[in-house]
Amino acid sequence: MDQDPAVIKLPLFSKTSKLAAIPGQSEGVTYGVVWDACRDPEHGFGYVAELLPGRRARLLAWLAADGKVYSCDRPLTGLAGLRPSLELVQ
């Protein structure tokens, strides 16, 4: 079992959407958005994660519904006191 708290096992009921590769991305690395895989800190669009073999994912960030993106190294329990790493605005 992984000792890295950012790596989670994806339950059968979880959902993933693979992201298209970006220029300079390492060969063989796949990123995506996962949801219904672990606790959600608040209403949002899921976790950005590196998709790993064996129905696992390494969590990288939480996509909040208000357009804020929070870097993470484990499932978040809440957003209180956290500063977003990025804010997406229309």
C-alpha atoms as a PDB file:
ATOM      1  CA  MET A   1       0.000   0.000   0.000  1.00  0.00           C
ATOM      2  CA  ASP A   2       1.218   3.519  -0.764  1.00  0.00           C
ATOM      3  CA  GLN A   3       2.643   5.557   2.108  1.00  0.00           C
ATOM      4  CA  ASP A   4       2.038   8.778   0.134  1.00  0.00           C
ATOM      5  CA  PRO A   5      -1.151  10.409   1.580  1.00  0.00           C
ATOM      6  CA  ALA A   6      -1.774  12.038  -1.812  1.00  0.00           C
ATOM      7  CA  VAL A   7      -2.246   8.614  -3.445  1.00  0.00           C
ATOM      8  CA  ILE A   8      -5.745   7.242  -3.104  1.00  0.00           C
ATOM      9  CA  LYS A   9      -7.389   4.070  -4.341  1.00  0.00           C
ATOM     10  CA  LEU A  10     -10.226   4.952  -6.712  1.00  0.00           C
ATOM     11  CA  PRO A  11     -13.461   3.269  -5.617  1.00  0.00           C
ATOM     12  CA  LEU A  12     -15.524   1.512  -8.284  1.00  0.00           C
ATOM     13  CA  PHE A  13     -18.196   4.235  -8.071  1.00  0.00           C
ATOM     14  CA  SER A  14     -15.711   7.105  -8.601  1.00  0.00           C
ATOM     15  CA  LYS A  15     -15.601   8.992 -11.882  1.00  0.00           C
ATOM     16  CA  THR A  16     -12.591  10.186 -13.868  1.00  0.00           C
ATOM     17  CA  SER A  17     -12.107  12.386 -16.896  1.00  0.00           C
ATOM     18  CA  LYS A  18      -8.686  12.289 -18.539  1.00  0.00           C
ATOM     19  CA  LEU A  19      -7.088  15.601 -19.497  1.00  0.00           C
ATOM     20  CA  ALA A  20      -5.381  16.043 -22.849  1.00  0.00           C
ATOM     21  CA  ALA A  21      -1.589  15.997 -22.728  1.00  0.00           C
ATOM     22  CA  ILE A  22       0.103  19.393 -22.525  1.00  0.00           C
ATOM     23  CA  PRO A  23       3.354  20.327 -24.277  1.00  0.00           C
ATOM     24  CA  GLY A  24       6.351  19.099 -22.284  1.00  0.00           C
ATOM     25  CA  GLN A  25       4.357  16.561 -20.293  1.00  0.00           C
ATOM     26  CA  SER A  26       6.395  13.468 -19.447  1.00  0.00           C
ATOM     27  CA  GLU A  27       5.752  10.461 -21.645  1.00  0.00           C
ATOM     28  CA  GLY A  28       3.440   7.934 -20.000  1.00  0.00           C
ATOM     29  CA  VAL A  29       2.037  10.336 -17.390  1.00  0.00           C
ATOM     30  CA  THR A  30      -1.739  10.860 -17.455  1.00  0.00           C
ATOM     31  CA  TYR A  31      -3.605  13.599 -15.631  1.00  0.00           C
ATOM     32  CA  GLY A  32      -7.317  13.887 -15.083  1.00  0.00           C
ATOM     33  CA  VAL A  33     -10.110  15.092 -12.836  1.00  0.00           C
ATOM     34  CA  VAL A  34     -11.578  12.649 -10.335  1.00  0.00           C
ATOM     35  CA  TRP A  35     -14.721  12.968  -8.287  1.00  0.00           C
ATOM     36  CA  ASP A  36     -16.724  10.744  -5.957  1.00  0.00           C
ATOM     37  CA  ALA A  37     -13.380   9.166  -5.020  1.00  0.00           C
ATOM     38  CA  CYS A  38     -12.899  10.622  -1.521  1.00  0.00           C
ATOM     39  CA  ARG A  39     -14.361  13.310   0.705  1.00  0.00           C
ATOM     40  CA  ASP A  40     -15.058  16.655  -0.939  1.00  0.00           C
ATOM     41  CA  PRO A  41     -14.101  19.667   1.177  1.00  0.00           C
ATOM     42  CA  GLU A  42     -16.921  21.781  -0.278  1.00  0.00           C
ATOM     43  CA  HIS A  43     -19.037  22.007  -3.409  1.00  0.00           C
ATOM     44  CA  GLY A  44     -16.743  21.795  -6.413  1.00  0.00           C
ATOM     45  CA  PHE A  45     -15.698  19.990  -9.554  1.00  0.00           C
ATOM     46  CA  GLY A  46     -13.341  17.352  -8.135  1.00  0.00           C
ATOM     47  CA  TYR A  47      -9.624  16.813  -7.718  1.00  0.00           C
ATOM     48  CA  VAL A  48      -6.984  17.277 -10.413  1.00  0.00           C
ATOM     49  CA  ALA A  49      -4.852  14.150 -10.139  1.00  0.00           C
ATOM     50  CA  GLU A  50      -2.149  12.103 -11.772  1.00  0.00           C
ATOM     51  CA  LEU A  51      -3.854   8.865 -12.811  1.00  0.00           C
ATOM     52  CA  LEU A  52      -1.817   5.849 -11.753  1.00  0.00           C
ATOM     53  CA  PRO A  53      -2.030   2.136 -12.570  1.00  0.00           C
ATOM     54  CA  GLY A  54      -4.236  -0.072 -10.417  1.00  0.00           C
ATOM     55  CA  ARG A  55      -7.199   2.355 -10.093  1.00  0.00           C
ATOM     56  CA  ARG A  56      -5.111   4.814  -8.070  1.00  0.00           C
ATOM     57  CA  ALA A  57      -4.639   8.570  -8.300  1.00  0.00           C
ATOM     58  CA  ARG A  58      -2.177  11.091  -6.830  1.00  0.00           C
ATOM     59  CA  LEU A  59      -4.176  14.166  -5.760  1.00  0.00           C
ATOM     60  CA  LEU A  60      -2.708  17.490  -6.862  1.00  0.00           C
ATOM     61  CA  ALA A  61      -5.453  20.115  -6.408  1.00  0.00           C
ATOM     62  CA  TRP A  62      -9.137  20.664  -5.572  1.00  0.00           C
ATOM     63  CA  LEU A  63     -11.298  22.557  -8.090  1.00  0.00           C
ATOM     64  CA  ALA A  64     -13.800  24.624  -6.101  1.00  0.00           C
ATOM     65  CA  ALA A  65     -17.112  25.697  -7.659  1.00  0.00           C
ATOM     66  CA  ASP A  66     -16.197  29.390  -7.265  1.00  0.00           C
ATOM     67  CA  GLY A  67     -13.201  29.021  -9.628  1.00  0.00           C
ATOM     68  CA  LYS A  68     -10.551  28.755  -6.935  1.00  0.00           C
ATOM     69  CA  VAL A  69      -7.989  25.960  -7.151  1.00  0.00           C
ATOM     70  CA  TYR A  70      -6.365  24.637  -3.973  1.00  0.00           C
ATOM     71  CA  SER A  71      -3.116  22.651  -4.172  1.00  0.00           C
ATOM     72  CA  CYS A  72      -3.173  19.576  -1.962  1.00  0.00           C
ATOM     73  CA  ASP A  73      -1.112  16.557  -1.006  1.00  0.00           C
ATOM     74  CA  ARG A  74      -4.015  14.586   0.520  1.00  0.00           C
ATOM     75  CA  PRO A  75      -7.832  14.736   0.500  1.00  0.00           C
ATOM     76  CA  LEU A  76      -8.924  18.072   1.954  1.00  0.00           C
ATOM     77  CA  THR A  77     -11.254  18.167   4.956  1.00  0.00           C
ATOM     78  CA  GLY A  78     -12.251  21.794   4.372  1.00  0.00           C
ATOM     79  CA  LEU A  79     -11.084  25.034   2.827  1.00  0.00           C
ATOM     80  CA  ALA A  80     -11.206  27.319   5.879  1.00  0.00           C
ATOM     81  CA  GLY A  81      -7.860  29.049   6.334  1.00  0.00           C
ATOM     82  CA  LEU A  82      -6.472  27.858   2.993  1.00  0.00           C
ATOM     83  CA  ARG A  83      -5.325  30.252   0.290  1.00  0.00           C
ATOM     84  CA  PRO A  84      -6.090  29.260  -3.290  1.00  0.00           C
ATOM     85  CA  SER A  85      -3.101  28.540  -5.528  1.00  0.00           C
ATOM     86  CA  LEU A  86      -4.984  29.796  -8.560  1.00  0.00           C
ATOM     87  CA  GLU A  87      -8.232  31.613  -9.301  1.00  0.00           C
ATOM     88  CA  LEU A  88     -10.059  31.062 -12.573  1.00  0.00           C
ATOM     89  CA  VAL A  89     -12.194  33.976 -13.714  1.00  0.00           C
ATOM     90  CA  GLN A  90     -14.355  34.359 -16.765  1.00  0.00           C
END
